[in-house]
N, C-alpha and C. Protein backbone atom coordinates (compact mmCIF):
# COMPACT_ATOMS: atom_id res chain seq x y z
N MET A 1 20.17 -34.22 -14.60
CA MET A 1 18.96 -33.48 -14.33
C MET A 1 19.11 -32.80 -12.97
N ASP A 2 18.84 -31.49 -12.92
CA ASP A 2 18.91 -30.74 -11.66
C ASP A 2 17.58 -30.88 -10.93
N HIS A 3 17.69 -31.06 -9.65
CA HIS A 3 16.48 -31.15 -8.84
C HIS A 3 16.06 -29.76 -8.39
N ILE A 4 14.77 -29.56 -8.30
CA ILE A 4 14.23 -28.27 -7.90
C ILE A 4 14.61 -27.96 -6.45
N VAL A 5 14.85 -28.97 -5.65
CA VAL A 5 15.20 -28.77 -4.24
C VAL A 5 16.50 -27.99 -4.11
N THR A 6 17.47 -28.28 -4.94
CA THR A 6 18.74 -27.56 -4.86
C THR A 6 18.55 -26.09 -5.23
N VAL A 7 17.70 -25.81 -6.21
CA VAL A 7 17.43 -24.43 -6.59
C VAL A 7 16.69 -23.73 -5.46
N GLN A 8 15.72 -24.41 -4.88
CA GLN A 8 14.95 -23.82 -3.79
C GLN A 8 15.85 -23.53 -2.60
N ASP A 9 16.77 -24.43 -2.28
CA ASP A 9 17.69 -24.18 -1.17
C ASP A 9 18.55 -22.96 -1.45
N ALA A 10 18.98 -22.80 -2.68
CA ALA A 10 19.81 -21.64 -3.03
C ALA A 10 19.02 -20.35 -2.95
N VAL A 11 17.76 -20.39 -3.33
CA VAL A 11 16.93 -19.18 -3.32
C VAL A 11 16.56 -18.78 -1.89
N THR A 12 16.22 -19.75 -1.06
CA THR A 12 15.75 -19.43 0.29
C THR A 12 16.85 -19.53 1.34
N ALA A 13 18.08 -19.69 0.93
CA ALA A 13 19.16 -19.86 1.90
C ALA A 13 19.34 -18.63 2.76
N PHE A 14 19.07 -17.44 2.24
CA PHE A 14 19.30 -16.21 2.98
C PHE A 14 18.00 -15.57 3.45
N ALA A 15 16.94 -16.32 3.55
CA ALA A 15 15.64 -15.77 3.92
C ALA A 15 15.67 -15.13 5.30
N ASP A 16 16.43 -15.68 6.24
CA ASP A 16 16.49 -15.10 7.58
C ASP A 16 17.14 -13.73 7.57
N PHE A 17 18.01 -13.47 6.64
CA PHE A 17 18.72 -12.19 6.59
C PHE A 17 17.95 -11.15 5.79
N MET A 18 16.84 -11.52 5.18
CA MET A 18 16.12 -10.62 4.30
C MET A 18 14.90 -10.00 4.97
N GLU A 19 14.90 -9.93 6.28
CA GLU A 19 13.79 -9.31 7.01
C GLU A 19 13.82 -7.80 6.79
N PRO A 20 12.66 -7.15 6.81
CA PRO A 20 12.66 -5.69 6.65
C PRO A 20 13.31 -5.01 7.85
N THR A 21 13.95 -3.90 7.59
CA THR A 21 14.59 -3.15 8.66
C THR A 21 13.54 -2.36 9.42
N ASP A 22 13.94 -1.81 10.55
CA ASP A 22 13.02 -0.99 11.34
C ASP A 22 12.57 0.24 10.56
N ALA A 23 13.48 0.82 9.78
CA ALA A 23 13.12 1.99 8.97
C ALA A 23 12.09 1.62 7.90
N GLU A 24 12.24 0.46 7.29
CA GLU A 24 11.27 0.02 6.28
C GLU A 24 9.91 -0.26 6.92
N LEU A 25 9.90 -0.85 8.09
CA LEU A 25 8.64 -1.10 8.79
C LEU A 25 7.97 0.21 9.19
N ASP A 26 8.77 1.20 9.60
CA ASP A 26 8.21 2.51 9.94
C ASP A 26 7.61 3.17 8.70
N ALA A 27 8.28 3.04 7.57
CA ALA A 27 7.76 3.62 6.32
C ALA A 27 6.44 2.96 5.93
N ILE A 28 6.34 1.66 6.08
CA ILE A 28 5.09 0.95 5.79
C ILE A 28 3.99 1.41 6.72
N GLU A 29 4.32 1.58 7.99
CA GLU A 29 3.34 2.03 8.97
C GLU A 29 2.83 3.43 8.62
N ARG A 30 3.73 4.33 8.17
CA ARG A 30 3.32 5.68 7.78
C ARG A 30 2.42 5.65 6.55
N GLU A 31 2.68 4.73 5.64
CA GLU A 31 1.92 4.65 4.40
C GLU A 31 0.65 3.79 4.51
N MET A 32 0.43 3.18 5.65
CA MET A 32 -0.71 2.27 5.81
C MET A 32 -2.07 2.94 5.53
N PRO A 33 -2.33 4.19 5.96
CA PRO A 33 -3.62 4.80 5.61
C PRO A 33 -3.83 4.93 4.09
N VAL A 34 -2.77 5.22 3.36
CA VAL A 34 -2.87 5.32 1.89
C VAL A 34 -3.15 3.93 1.30
N ILE A 35 -2.47 2.93 1.82
CA ILE A 35 -2.67 1.56 1.33
C ILE A 35 -4.11 1.11 1.58
N LEU A 36 -4.61 1.34 2.79
CA LEU A 36 -5.97 0.92 3.12
C LEU A 36 -7.01 1.68 2.30
N ALA A 37 -6.78 2.98 2.07
CA ALA A 37 -7.71 3.75 1.25
C ALA A 37 -7.69 3.24 -0.19
N GLY A 38 -6.52 2.86 -0.68
CA GLY A 38 -6.43 2.29 -2.02
C GLY A 38 -7.16 0.97 -2.14
N VAL A 39 -7.08 0.16 -1.12
CA VAL A 39 -7.80 -1.12 -1.10
C VAL A 39 -9.30 -0.87 -1.10
N GLU A 40 -9.73 0.12 -0.32
CA GLU A 40 -11.16 0.46 -0.28
C GLU A 40 -11.65 0.93 -1.66
N LEU A 41 -10.84 1.74 -2.33
CA LEU A 41 -11.20 2.19 -3.68
C LEU A 41 -11.28 1.01 -4.64
N LEU A 42 -10.32 0.13 -4.57
CA LEU A 42 -10.33 -1.05 -5.43
C LEU A 42 -11.55 -1.93 -5.16
N ASP A 43 -11.91 -2.09 -3.89
CA ASP A 43 -13.11 -2.86 -3.55
C ASP A 43 -14.36 -2.22 -4.16
N ALA A 44 -14.46 -0.91 -4.07
CA ALA A 44 -15.62 -0.22 -4.63
C ALA A 44 -15.67 -0.39 -6.15
N GLN A 45 -14.52 -0.34 -6.79
CA GLN A 45 -14.49 -0.52 -8.24
C GLN A 45 -14.85 -1.95 -8.64
N ILE A 46 -14.40 -2.91 -7.86
CA ILE A 46 -14.73 -4.31 -8.14
C ILE A 46 -16.22 -4.56 -7.98
N ILE A 47 -16.81 -3.98 -6.95
CA ILE A 47 -18.26 -4.13 -6.75
C ILE A 47 -19.01 -3.56 -7.94
N ALA A 48 -18.55 -2.42 -8.45
CA ALA A 48 -19.23 -1.80 -9.59
C ALA A 48 -19.08 -2.63 -10.87
N LEU A 49 -18.02 -3.44 -10.95
CA LEU A 49 -17.82 -4.26 -12.14
C LEU A 49 -18.77 -5.46 -12.19
N ASN A 50 -19.30 -5.85 -11.05
CA ASN A 50 -20.13 -7.05 -10.99
C ASN A 50 -21.54 -6.84 -11.53
N HIS A 51 -21.93 -5.61 -11.74
CA HIS A 51 -23.26 -5.33 -12.28
C HIS A 51 -23.23 -3.96 -12.97
N ILE A 52 -24.34 -3.55 -13.50
CA ILE A 52 -24.41 -2.23 -14.12
C ILE A 52 -24.30 -1.19 -13.00
N PRO A 53 -23.31 -0.31 -13.08
CA PRO A 53 -23.13 0.68 -11.99
C PRO A 53 -24.35 1.57 -11.83
N ASN A 54 -24.71 1.81 -10.59
CA ASN A 54 -25.83 2.68 -10.28
C ASN A 54 -25.33 3.88 -9.48
N GLU A 55 -26.22 4.71 -9.03
CA GLU A 55 -25.85 5.92 -8.30
C GLU A 55 -25.09 5.60 -7.02
N LEU A 56 -25.47 4.55 -6.34
CA LEU A 56 -24.79 4.16 -5.10
C LEU A 56 -23.34 3.76 -5.38
N ASP A 57 -23.13 3.03 -6.45
CA ASP A 57 -21.76 2.64 -6.83
C ASP A 57 -20.92 3.87 -7.15
N THR A 58 -21.51 4.81 -7.87
CA THR A 58 -20.80 6.03 -8.23
C THR A 58 -20.40 6.81 -6.98
N ARG A 59 -21.32 6.94 -6.04
CA ARG A 59 -21.00 7.65 -4.79
C ARG A 59 -19.96 6.90 -3.98
N ARG A 60 -20.04 5.57 -3.95
CA ARG A 60 -19.08 4.77 -3.21
C ARG A 60 -17.67 4.94 -3.78
N ILE A 61 -17.55 4.92 -5.10
CA ILE A 61 -16.25 5.10 -5.74
C ILE A 61 -15.73 6.52 -5.52
N ARG A 62 -16.61 7.50 -5.66
CA ARG A 62 -16.19 8.89 -5.47
C ARG A 62 -15.71 9.12 -4.03
N ARG A 63 -16.42 8.57 -3.06
CA ARG A 63 -16.05 8.71 -1.65
C ARG A 63 -14.71 8.00 -1.37
N ALA A 64 -14.53 6.83 -1.93
CA ALA A 64 -13.28 6.10 -1.74
C ALA A 64 -12.12 6.84 -2.40
N HIS A 65 -12.36 7.43 -3.57
CA HIS A 65 -11.32 8.19 -4.25
C HIS A 65 -10.91 9.41 -3.42
N ARG A 66 -11.89 10.08 -2.81
CA ARG A 66 -11.57 11.22 -1.94
C ARG A 66 -10.75 10.78 -0.74
N ARG A 67 -11.03 9.60 -0.20
CA ARG A 67 -10.25 9.10 0.94
C ARG A 67 -8.80 8.83 0.53
N VAL A 68 -8.61 8.30 -0.68
CA VAL A 68 -7.25 8.08 -1.18
C VAL A 68 -6.51 9.41 -1.29
N LEU A 69 -7.17 10.40 -1.88
CA LEU A 69 -6.53 11.70 -2.04
C LEU A 69 -6.22 12.35 -0.70
N THR A 70 -7.13 12.21 0.26
CA THR A 70 -6.90 12.77 1.59
C THR A 70 -5.74 12.08 2.28
N ALA A 71 -5.68 10.77 2.18
CA ALA A 71 -4.58 10.02 2.81
C ALA A 71 -3.24 10.38 2.16
N ARG A 72 -3.22 10.53 0.83
CA ARG A 72 -1.98 10.92 0.14
C ARG A 72 -1.55 12.32 0.55
N ARG A 73 -2.52 13.23 0.66
CA ARG A 73 -2.20 14.60 1.06
C ARG A 73 -1.63 14.63 2.48
N THR A 74 -2.23 13.88 3.37
CA THR A 74 -1.74 13.82 4.74
C THR A 74 -0.33 13.26 4.80
N LEU A 75 -0.07 12.21 4.04
CA LEU A 75 1.27 11.62 4.00
C LEU A 75 2.28 12.61 3.43
N ALA A 76 1.90 13.31 2.36
CA ALA A 76 2.82 14.29 1.77
C ALA A 76 3.10 15.43 2.73
N ASN A 77 2.07 15.88 3.45
CA ASN A 77 2.28 16.95 4.43
C ASN A 77 3.17 16.50 5.57
N GLN A 78 3.02 15.26 6.01
CA GLN A 78 3.89 14.74 7.07
C GLN A 78 5.33 14.65 6.59
N ALA A 79 5.52 14.21 5.36
CA ALA A 79 6.88 14.11 4.80
C ALA A 79 7.50 15.49 4.67
N ALA A 80 6.70 16.49 4.24
CA ALA A 80 7.22 17.84 4.11
C ALA A 80 7.57 18.42 5.48
N ALA A 81 6.73 18.13 6.47
CA ALA A 81 7.01 18.62 7.82
C ALA A 81 8.27 17.97 8.38
N ASP A 82 8.46 16.69 8.12
CA ASP A 82 9.66 16.00 8.57
C ASP A 82 10.90 16.56 7.89
N ALA A 83 10.80 16.84 6.60
CA ALA A 83 11.93 17.41 5.87
C ALA A 83 12.25 18.81 6.37
N HIS A 84 11.21 19.56 6.72
CA HIS A 84 11.40 20.92 7.22
C HIS A 84 12.10 20.91 8.58
N ARG A 85 11.77 19.91 9.40
CA ARG A 85 12.40 19.78 10.71
C ARG A 85 13.80 19.20 10.61
N GLY A 86 14.14 18.72 9.43
CA GLY A 86 15.46 18.15 9.24
C GLY A 86 15.50 16.64 9.34
N GLY A 87 14.35 16.01 9.48
CA GLY A 87 14.29 14.56 9.55
C GLY A 87 14.33 13.95 8.17
N ALA A 88 14.56 12.67 8.14
CA ALA A 88 14.58 11.96 6.86
C ALA A 88 13.17 11.70 6.42
N ALA A 89 12.87 12.02 5.18
CA ALA A 89 11.52 11.80 4.65
C ALA A 89 11.45 10.51 3.88
């Protein structure tokens, strides 16, 4: 019988070497407004699921959806500007 400890040791043996690189952390930082806007949209949708949606819920979801689109547009424009300058997007 194999013990789970040996499997766990094999899986987590390289955990120290699996840290995100600086480039990956920078990419996450650039995408953070999109991530936060998506979370806000999801929160608004969850609130609307808890009861019969009313006008306030509809406006909340619509506003959150616009924030997601705005954040995505801003990120895409930054990536295009970086590519135009010759930077890595």
